N, C-alpha and C. Protein backbone atom coordinates (compact mmCIF):
# COMPACT_ATOMS: atom_id res chain seq x y z
N MET A 1 -1.76 -26.08 19.82
CA MET A 1 -1.37 -24.75 19.79
C MET A 1 -0.91 -24.32 18.41
N ASP A 2 -0.74 -25.46 17.37
CA ASP A 2 -0.37 -25.05 15.94
C ASP A 2 -1.47 -24.15 15.40
N TYR A 3 -2.75 -24.58 15.72
CA TYR A 3 -3.89 -23.94 15.28
C TYR A 3 -3.83 -22.36 15.61
N LEU A 4 -3.56 -22.26 16.83
CA LEU A 4 -3.58 -20.72 17.44
C LEU A 4 -2.30 -20.00 16.68
N TYR A 5 -1.26 -20.68 16.54
CA TYR A 5 -0.10 -19.94 16.00
C TYR A 5 -0.31 -19.76 14.50
N TRP A 6 -0.73 -20.46 13.73
CA TRP A 6 -1.03 -20.33 12.34
C TRP A 6 -2.10 -19.37 12.09
N THR A 7 -3.22 -19.31 13.03
CA THR A 7 -4.17 -18.35 12.94
C THR A 7 -3.63 -16.94 13.27
N LEU A 8 -2.75 -16.83 14.16
CA LEU A 8 -2.18 -15.32 14.42
C LEU A 8 -1.26 -14.99 13.17
N ILE A 9 -0.60 -15.96 12.65
CA ILE A 9 0.25 -15.70 11.36
C ILE A 9 -0.66 -15.30 10.20
N ILE A 10 -1.60 -16.09 9.98
CA ILE A 10 -2.53 -15.80 8.88
C ILE A 10 -3.28 -14.35 9.06
N LEU A 11 -3.73 -14.08 10.37
CA LEU A 11 -4.27 -12.84 10.61
C LEU A 11 -3.45 -11.64 10.27
N SER A 12 -2.19 -11.84 10.62
CA SER A 12 -1.24 -10.80 10.34
C SER A 12 -1.15 -10.51 8.95
N PHE A 13 -0.99 -11.62 8.12
CA PHE A 13 -1.03 -11.41 6.51
C PHE A 13 -2.34 -10.91 6.02
N LEU A 14 -3.54 -11.23 6.68
CA LEU A 14 -4.75 -10.59 6.34
C LEU A 14 -4.76 -8.96 6.60
N PHE A 15 -4.17 -8.64 7.74
CA PHE A 15 -4.20 -7.32 8.15
C PHE A 15 -3.26 -6.56 7.13
N ALA A 16 -2.23 -7.24 6.51
CA ALA A 16 -1.30 -6.65 5.54
C ALA A 16 -2.23 -6.32 4.36
N PHE A 17 -3.10 -7.22 3.83
CA PHE A 17 -3.94 -6.89 2.78
C PHE A 17 -5.10 -5.73 3.13
N ALA A 18 -5.50 -5.71 4.33
CA ALA A 18 -6.45 -4.73 4.79
C ALA A 18 -5.78 -3.34 4.70
N GLY A 19 -4.44 -3.31 4.91
CA GLY A 19 -3.49 -2.12 4.77
C GLY A 19 -3.66 -1.41 3.30
N LEU A 20 -4.08 -2.36 2.37
CA LEU A 20 -4.23 -1.80 1.00
C LEU A 20 -5.52 -1.12 1.03
N ILE A 21 -6.44 -1.45 1.67
CA ILE A 21 -7.83 -0.63 1.71
C ILE A 21 -7.78 0.35 2.63
N TYR A 22 -7.18 0.19 3.73
CA TYR A 22 -7.10 1.28 4.83
C TYR A 22 -5.54 1.68 4.95
N PRO A 23 -5.06 2.59 4.14
CA PRO A 23 -3.66 2.88 4.16
C PRO A 23 -3.05 3.35 5.57
N ILE A 24 -3.90 3.69 6.35
CA ILE A 24 -3.46 4.15 7.81
C ILE A 24 -2.84 2.89 8.48
N LEU A 25 -3.20 1.74 8.06
CA LEU A 25 -2.70 0.52 8.59
C LEU A 25 -1.40 0.12 7.95
N PRO A 26 -0.37 -0.11 8.76
CA PRO A 26 0.94 -0.44 8.32
C PRO A 26 1.07 -1.73 7.62
N GLY A 27 0.39 -2.08 6.47
CA GLY A 27 0.25 -3.30 5.88
C GLY A 27 1.61 -4.04 5.77
N ALA A 28 2.56 -3.37 5.29
CA ALA A 28 3.86 -4.04 5.21
C ALA A 28 4.50 -4.58 6.36
N LEU A 29 4.27 -3.91 7.44
CA LEU A 29 4.69 -4.31 8.82
C LEU A 29 4.01 -5.42 9.25
N PHE A 30 2.67 -5.64 8.85
CA PHE A 30 1.90 -6.82 9.30
C PHE A 30 2.61 -8.01 8.63
N LEU A 31 3.08 -7.74 7.40
CA LEU A 31 3.65 -8.99 6.76
C LEU A 31 4.93 -9.28 7.58
N VAL A 32 5.72 -8.52 7.98
CA VAL A 32 6.92 -8.75 8.71
C VAL A 32 6.54 -9.37 10.04
N LEU A 33 5.50 -8.90 10.68
CA LEU A 33 5.00 -9.49 11.91
C LEU A 33 4.71 -10.96 11.81
N GLY A 34 4.02 -11.42 10.72
CA GLY A 34 3.72 -12.83 10.43
C GLY A 34 4.99 -13.61 10.30
N PHE A 35 5.93 -13.11 9.65
CA PHE A 35 7.43 -13.82 9.77
C PHE A 35 8.00 -13.97 10.94
N VAL A 36 7.88 -12.83 11.74
CA VAL A 36 8.56 -12.75 13.10
C VAL A 36 7.74 -13.84 13.96
N LEU A 37 6.35 -13.79 13.99
CA LEU A 37 5.62 -14.73 14.70
C LEU A 37 5.86 -16.11 14.51
N TYR A 38 6.12 -16.52 13.17
CA TYR A 38 6.48 -17.79 12.79
C TYR A 38 7.83 -18.15 13.47
N GLY A 39 8.90 -17.26 13.43
CA GLY A 39 10.06 -17.44 13.96
C GLY A 39 9.88 -17.70 15.46
N LEU A 40 9.18 -16.87 16.08
CA LEU A 40 9.00 -17.10 17.57
C LEU A 40 8.37 -18.43 18.01
N PHE A 41 7.29 -18.54 17.17
CA PHE A 41 6.55 -19.81 17.52
C PHE A 41 7.22 -21.14 17.16
N TYR A 42 7.95 -21.16 16.06
CA TYR A 42 8.51 -22.39 15.57
C TYR A 42 10.06 -22.21 15.51
N SER A 43 10.61 -21.39 14.78
CA SER A 43 12.04 -21.41 14.79
C SER A 43 12.36 -20.37 13.64
N PHE A 44 13.64 -19.61 13.66
CA PHE A 44 14.13 -18.75 12.84
C PHE A 44 15.08 -19.44 11.85
N HIS A 45 15.35 -20.81 12.08
CA HIS A 45 16.35 -21.52 11.29
C HIS A 45 16.10 -21.55 9.87
N SER A 46 14.70 -21.55 9.52
CA SER A 46 14.27 -21.65 8.15
C SER A 46 14.73 -20.23 7.28
N TYR A 47 14.93 -19.16 8.07
CA TYR A 47 15.11 -17.95 7.44
C TYR A 47 16.66 -17.89 7.16
N THR A 48 17.03 -18.15 5.99
CA THR A 48 18.32 -17.95 5.48
C THR A 48 18.74 -16.54 5.23
N ILE A 49 19.99 -16.24 4.90
CA ILE A 49 20.37 -14.82 4.57
C ILE A 49 19.73 -14.53 3.19
N PHE A 50 19.59 -15.51 2.32
CA PHE A 50 19.06 -15.22 1.09
C PHE A 50 17.51 -14.79 1.22
N PHE A 51 16.84 -15.60 2.13
CA PHE A 51 15.42 -15.31 2.50
C PHE A 51 15.30 -13.90 2.95
N ILE A 52 16.21 -13.58 3.94
CA ILE A 52 15.92 -12.38 4.59
C ILE A 52 16.37 -11.18 3.49
N VAL A 53 17.26 -11.33 2.62
CA VAL A 53 17.41 -10.32 1.51
C VAL A 53 16.35 -10.20 0.56
N VAL A 54 15.79 -11.33 0.25
CA VAL A 54 14.75 -11.28 -0.96
C VAL A 54 13.51 -10.67 -0.16
N GLN A 55 13.14 -10.88 1.14
CA GLN A 55 12.04 -10.47 1.67
C GLN A 55 12.34 -8.80 1.94
N SER A 56 13.53 -8.52 2.21
CA SER A 56 13.81 -7.06 2.41
C SER A 56 13.75 -6.30 1.21
N VAL A 57 14.15 -6.85 0.14
CA VAL A 57 14.08 -6.14 -1.16
C VAL A 57 12.60 -6.04 -1.65
N LEU A 58 11.87 -7.05 -1.34
CA LEU A 58 10.36 -6.92 -1.77
C LEU A 58 9.58 -5.92 -0.71
N LEU A 59 10.07 -6.03 0.44
CA LEU A 59 9.45 -5.16 1.44
C LEU A 59 9.73 -3.67 1.18
N ALA A 60 10.99 -3.24 0.78
CA ALA A 60 11.26 -2.05 0.36
C ALA A 60 10.41 -1.54 -0.94
N SER A 61 10.43 -2.71 -1.68
CA SER A 61 9.54 -2.22 -3.03
C SER A 61 8.14 -1.86 -2.91
N LEU A 62 7.73 -2.46 -1.73
CA LEU A 62 6.33 -2.05 -1.27
C LEU A 62 6.07 -0.53 -1.16
N PHE A 63 7.12 -0.03 -0.38
CA PHE A 63 7.05 1.42 -0.02
C PHE A 63 7.44 2.18 -1.45
N VAL A 64 8.33 1.77 -2.24
CA VAL A 64 8.74 2.51 -3.42
C VAL A 64 7.46 2.47 -4.32
N VAL A 65 6.74 1.44 -4.37
CA VAL A 65 5.56 1.35 -5.38
C VAL A 65 4.51 2.37 -4.81
N ASP A 66 4.32 2.49 -3.65
CA ASP A 66 3.44 3.66 -3.01
C ASP A 66 3.81 4.88 -3.54
N TYR A 67 4.99 5.35 -3.31
CA TYR A 67 5.42 6.70 -3.83
C TYR A 67 5.47 6.83 -5.28
N VAL A 68 6.04 5.93 -6.07
CA VAL A 68 6.15 6.01 -7.43
C VAL A 68 4.77 6.08 -8.07
N SER A 69 3.81 5.14 -7.70
CA SER A 69 2.65 5.01 -8.38
C SER A 69 1.81 6.38 -8.26
N ASN A 70 1.78 6.90 -7.06
CA ASN A 70 1.08 8.14 -6.89
C ASN A 70 1.86 9.21 -7.69
N LEU A 71 3.01 9.37 -7.58
CA LEU A 71 3.79 10.35 -8.36
C LEU A 71 3.51 10.24 -9.85
N TYR A 72 3.57 9.14 -10.37
CA TYR A 72 3.53 8.78 -11.81
C TYR A 72 1.99 9.08 -12.26
N GLY A 73 1.00 8.70 -11.39
CA GLY A 73 -0.37 8.96 -11.79
C GLY A 73 -0.67 10.56 -11.90
N VAL A 74 -0.14 11.19 -10.93
CA VAL A 74 -0.35 12.68 -10.63
C VAL A 74 0.32 13.44 -11.86
N LYS A 75 1.59 13.16 -11.92
CA LYS A 75 2.57 13.90 -12.91
C LYS A 75 2.19 13.45 -14.28
N ARG A 76 1.69 12.41 -14.63
CA ARG A 76 1.35 12.10 -15.91
C ARG A 76 0.25 12.89 -16.48
N ARG A 77 -0.61 13.38 -15.60
CA ARG A 77 -1.78 14.13 -15.80
C ARG A 77 -1.62 15.62 -15.65
N GLY A 78 -0.26 15.94 -15.44
CA GLY A 78 0.12 17.52 -15.26
C GLY A 78 -0.05 17.98 -13.86
N GLY A 79 -0.19 17.11 -12.93
CA GLY A 79 -0.17 17.62 -11.55
C GLY A 79 0.96 18.21 -10.86
N SER A 80 0.78 18.88 -10.00
CA SER A 80 2.02 19.50 -9.00
C SER A 80 2.29 18.62 -7.80
N LYS A 81 3.21 19.22 -7.19
CA LYS A 81 3.69 18.53 -5.79
C LYS A 81 2.29 18.73 -4.80
N ALA A 82 1.56 19.81 -5.04
CA ALA A 82 0.53 20.10 -4.20
C ALA A 82 -0.56 18.93 -4.32
N ALA A 83 -0.74 18.53 -5.64
CA ALA A 83 -1.64 17.34 -5.91
C ALA A 83 -1.08 16.20 -5.33
N ILE A 84 0.17 15.98 -5.33
CA ILE A 84 0.62 14.63 -4.72
C ILE A 84 0.31 14.62 -3.19
N TRP A 85 0.61 15.60 -2.65
CA TRP A 85 0.32 15.77 -1.18
C TRP A 85 -1.18 15.76 -0.86
N GLY A 86 -2.07 16.38 -1.70
CA GLY A 86 -3.58 16.42 -1.56
C GLY A 86 -4.08 14.77 -1.86
N SER A 87 -3.39 14.25 -2.82
CA SER A 87 -3.82 12.86 -2.97
C SER A 87 -3.48 11.87 -1.82
N THR A 88 -2.34 12.22 -1.28
CA THR A 88 -1.80 11.22 -0.07
C THR A 88 -2.76 11.55 0.97
N ILE A 89 -3.04 12.83 1.24
CA ILE A 89 -3.92 13.12 2.50
C ILE A 89 -5.27 12.58 2.28
N GLY A 90 -5.72 12.68 1.04
CA GLY A 90 -7.09 12.17 0.75
C GLY A 90 -7.10 10.72 0.87
N LEU A 91 -5.94 10.04 0.50
CA LEU A 91 -5.88 8.57 0.60
C LEU A 91 -6.06 8.08 1.99
N LEU A 92 -5.46 8.89 2.97
CA LEU A 92 -5.41 8.56 4.46
C LEU A 92 -6.68 8.91 4.87
N VAL A 93 -7.18 9.89 4.64
CA VAL A 93 -8.44 10.56 5.47
C VAL A 93 -9.75 9.90 4.79
N GLY A 94 -9.67 9.71 3.39
CA GLY A 94 -10.99 9.28 2.59
C GLY A 94 -11.70 8.11 3.17
N PRO A 95 -10.87 6.91 3.45
CA PRO A 95 -11.76 5.84 3.78
C PRO A 95 -12.42 5.97 5.17
N PHE A 96 -11.89 6.94 5.97
CA PHE A 96 -12.62 7.13 7.33
C PHE A 96 -13.79 8.20 7.20
N VAL A 97 -13.77 9.11 6.25
CA VAL A 97 -14.83 10.01 6.12
C VAL A 97 -15.87 9.31 5.21
N ILE A 98 -15.55 8.79 4.22
CA ILE A 98 -16.48 8.02 3.29
C ILE A 98 -16.13 6.58 3.33
N PRO A 99 -16.83 5.90 4.15
CA PRO A 99 -16.40 4.36 4.14
C PRO A 99 -16.61 3.72 2.98
N VAL A 100 -15.65 2.89 2.63
CA VAL A 100 -15.85 2.03 1.22
C VAL A 100 -15.42 2.96 0.28
N ALA A 101 -16.28 3.91 -0.30
CA ALA A 101 -16.05 4.76 -1.42
C ALA A 101 -14.79 5.58 -1.31
N GLY A 102 -14.43 5.98 0.11
CA GLY A 102 -13.38 6.93 0.37
C GLY A 102 -12.05 6.60 -0.17
N ILE A 103 -11.77 5.14 -0.33
CA ILE A 103 -10.49 4.87 -0.82
C ILE A 103 -10.24 5.29 -2.26
N ILE A 104 -11.27 5.40 -3.04
CA ILE A 104 -11.09 5.92 -4.40
C ILE A 104 -11.46 7.60 -4.29
N ALA A 105 -12.49 7.94 -3.63
CA ALA A 105 -12.80 9.37 -3.61
C ALA A 105 -11.82 10.28 -2.96
N GLY A 106 -11.23 9.68 -1.83
CA GLY A 106 -10.07 10.42 -1.13
C GLY A 106 -9.11 11.09 -1.75
N PRO A 107 -8.42 10.16 -2.56
CA PRO A 107 -7.21 10.74 -3.45
C PRO A 107 -7.74 11.62 -4.61
N PHE A 108 -8.81 11.31 -5.12
CA PHE A 108 -9.38 12.22 -6.20
C PHE A 108 -9.62 13.54 -5.70
N ILE A 109 -10.37 13.54 -4.56
CA ILE A 109 -10.94 14.83 -4.02
C ILE A 109 -9.56 15.62 -3.58
N GLY A 110 -8.62 14.81 -2.88
CA GLY A 110 -7.44 15.61 -2.39
C GLY A 110 -6.58 16.40 -3.55
N ALA A 111 -6.39 15.52 -4.63
CA ALA A 111 -5.62 15.91 -5.55
C ALA A 111 -6.42 17.03 -6.42
N PHE A 112 -7.63 16.95 -6.63
CA PHE A 112 -8.55 17.83 -7.41
C PHE A 112 -8.50 19.28 -6.63
N LEU A 113 -8.89 19.20 -5.30
CA LEU A 113 -8.82 20.41 -4.56
C LEU A 113 -7.40 21.02 -4.45
N ALA A 114 -6.43 20.26 -4.25
CA ALA A 114 -5.04 20.87 -4.24
C ALA A 114 -4.81 21.57 -5.64
N GLU A 115 -5.10 21.01 -6.66
CA GLU A 115 -4.83 21.69 -7.99
C GLU A 115 -5.72 22.99 -8.20
N LEU A 116 -7.06 22.93 -7.68
CA LEU A 116 -7.79 24.02 -7.81
C LEU A 116 -7.24 25.16 -6.84
N VAL A 117 -6.95 24.93 -5.65
CA VAL A 117 -6.64 25.98 -4.77
C VAL A 117 -5.30 26.35 -4.84
N ILE A 118 -4.49 25.38 -4.66
CA ILE A 118 -2.97 25.79 -4.83
C ILE A 118 -2.29 25.89 -6.03
N GLY A 119 -2.61 24.84 -6.99
CA GLY A 119 -2.10 24.91 -8.24
C GLY A 119 -2.82 25.98 -9.21
N ARG A 120 -3.87 26.43 -8.87
CA ARG A 120 -4.55 27.38 -9.59
C ARG A 120 -5.09 26.81 -11.06
N LYS A 121 -5.29 25.56 -11.07
CA LYS A 121 -5.54 25.04 -12.30
C LYS A 121 -7.20 25.15 -12.72
N SER A 122 -7.54 25.00 -14.00
CA SER A 122 -8.87 25.04 -14.26
C SER A 122 -9.53 23.86 -13.71
N PRO A 123 -11.00 23.90 -13.48
CA PRO A 123 -11.58 22.69 -13.08
C PRO A 123 -11.30 21.39 -13.86
N MET A 124 -11.43 21.61 -15.21
CA MET A 124 -11.13 20.46 -16.01
C MET A 124 -9.66 19.85 -15.82
N ASP A 125 -8.69 20.72 -15.88
CA ASP A 125 -7.33 20.14 -15.49
C ASP A 125 -7.24 19.62 -14.16
N ALA A 126 -7.83 20.12 -13.18
CA ALA A 126 -7.82 19.56 -11.75
C ALA A 126 -8.52 18.25 -11.80
N PHE A 127 -9.53 18.12 -12.53
CA PHE A 127 -10.16 16.85 -12.67
C PHE A 127 -9.40 15.77 -13.30
N ARG A 128 -8.66 16.10 -14.30
CA ARG A 128 -7.66 15.24 -14.90
C ARG A 128 -6.52 14.72 -14.00
N VAL A 129 -6.11 15.64 -13.20
CA VAL A 129 -5.17 15.33 -12.14
C VAL A 129 -5.68 14.36 -11.17
N GLY A 130 -6.96 14.62 -10.69
CA GLY A 130 -7.73 13.83 -9.76
C GLY A 130 -7.87 12.40 -10.21
N VAL A 131 -8.17 12.31 -11.52
CA VAL A 131 -8.29 10.93 -12.12
C VAL A 131 -6.92 10.25 -12.17
N GLY A 132 -5.88 11.04 -12.46
CA GLY A 132 -4.49 10.58 -12.57
C GLY A 132 -4.18 9.94 -11.32
N SER A 133 -4.56 10.46 -10.11
CA SER A 133 -4.18 10.18 -8.80
C SER A 133 -4.96 8.80 -8.42
N VAL A 134 -6.05 8.74 -8.90
CA VAL A 134 -6.80 7.50 -8.56
C VAL A 134 -6.21 6.26 -9.45
N LEU A 135 -5.91 6.68 -10.79
CA LEU A 135 -5.40 5.51 -11.50
C LEU A 135 -3.94 5.03 -10.97
N GLY A 136 -3.08 6.02 -10.53
CA GLY A 136 -1.85 5.79 -10.04
C GLY A 136 -1.94 4.91 -8.72
N PHE A 137 -3.04 5.18 -7.88
CA PHE A 137 -3.27 4.47 -6.66
C PHE A 137 -3.71 2.86 -6.89
N LEU A 138 -4.64 2.97 -8.02
CA LEU A 138 -5.22 1.66 -8.28
C LEU A 138 -4.08 0.73 -8.95
N GLY A 139 -3.29 1.42 -9.81
CA GLY A 139 -2.13 0.63 -10.44
C GLY A 139 -1.25 0.10 -9.32
N GLY A 140 -0.88 0.95 -8.40
CA GLY A 140 0.03 0.69 -7.26
C GLY A 140 -0.52 -0.39 -6.48
N THR A 141 -1.71 -0.27 -6.13
CA THR A 141 -2.39 -1.37 -5.34
C THR A 141 -2.31 -2.63 -5.88
N VAL A 142 -2.51 -2.81 -7.35
CA VAL A 142 -2.49 -4.22 -7.99
C VAL A 142 -0.99 -4.70 -7.85
N VAL A 143 -0.04 -3.80 -8.07
CA VAL A 143 1.38 -4.25 -7.94
C VAL A 143 1.61 -4.66 -6.44
N LYS A 144 1.21 -4.01 -5.50
CA LYS A 144 1.43 -4.25 -4.16
C LYS A 144 0.70 -5.67 -3.75
N ILE A 145 -0.47 -5.86 -4.32
CA ILE A 145 -1.08 -7.25 -4.02
C ILE A 145 -0.15 -8.24 -4.47
N VAL A 146 0.32 -8.10 -5.69
CA VAL A 146 1.31 -9.10 -6.41
C VAL A 146 2.49 -9.33 -5.52
N ILE A 147 3.12 -8.17 -5.06
CA ILE A 147 4.38 -8.21 -4.27
C ILE A 147 4.11 -9.04 -2.97
N GLN A 148 3.05 -8.72 -2.32
CA GLN A 148 2.65 -9.24 -1.01
C GLN A 148 2.36 -10.72 -1.24
N LEU A 149 1.74 -11.08 -2.19
CA LEU A 149 1.32 -12.66 -2.57
C LEU A 149 2.79 -13.27 -2.74
N ILE A 150 3.60 -12.60 -3.48
CA ILE A 150 4.94 -13.34 -3.73
C ILE A 150 5.69 -13.49 -2.36
N MET A 151 5.70 -12.40 -1.47
CA MET A 151 6.32 -12.54 -0.18
C MET A 151 5.76 -13.70 0.58
N ILE A 152 4.49 -13.84 0.54
CA ILE A 152 3.68 -14.93 1.31
C ILE A 152 4.09 -16.19 0.81
N GLY A 153 3.96 -16.21 -0.57
CA GLY A 153 4.22 -17.60 -1.17
C GLY A 153 5.72 -18.06 -0.88
N TYR A 154 6.73 -17.16 -1.03
CA TYR A 154 7.91 -17.53 -0.80
C TYR A 154 8.15 -17.83 0.74
N PHE A 155 7.51 -17.08 1.57
CA PHE A 155 7.57 -17.44 3.05
C PHE A 155 7.06 -19.04 3.23
N LEU A 156 5.96 -19.21 2.60
CA LEU A 156 5.36 -20.68 2.83
C LEU A 156 6.18 -21.69 2.16
N TYR A 157 6.81 -21.39 0.95
CA TYR A 157 7.77 -22.17 0.29
C TYR A 157 8.91 -22.71 1.22
N VAL A 158 9.40 -21.62 1.95
CA VAL A 158 10.71 -21.81 2.85
C VAL A 158 10.21 -22.59 4.10
N VAL A 159 9.18 -22.34 4.67
CA VAL A 159 8.84 -22.87 6.02
C VAL A 159 8.08 -24.11 5.94
N LEU A 160 7.41 -24.43 4.84
CA LEU A 160 6.55 -25.69 4.80
C LEU A 160 7.39 -26.78 4.16
């Protein structure tokens, strides 16, 4: 049964990383699912208060990074709130409309169109904002990968 249990735990962690590519998947929650599965299958005794606090802070930071990286990328290039919303919508819709490339094209197109239509910016300015949204997303994704690896590494350190 150990193989089955660990397979389910590892799959939940893999789905957490898939959430970085398909943001519609609740990646952070899949990390928590892996921790809960371990507790249900084996025991929650390994989870000290310190472990729970550290994991909770890291989990919260995943959500903060999502927001701040998008905000920073768009604002740094002169974008408006409309561009932030357009980028977010593009990020959620893009991977389903344009498989694989949609993860990059979606935020760009969303921010670009939002600045053109709602922000009434020139095409060149809207382009800059679109690039900023993509750079913010990519930077945030790198940070989230590191945070998720730290969370999983700390989990393995505690339970093994």
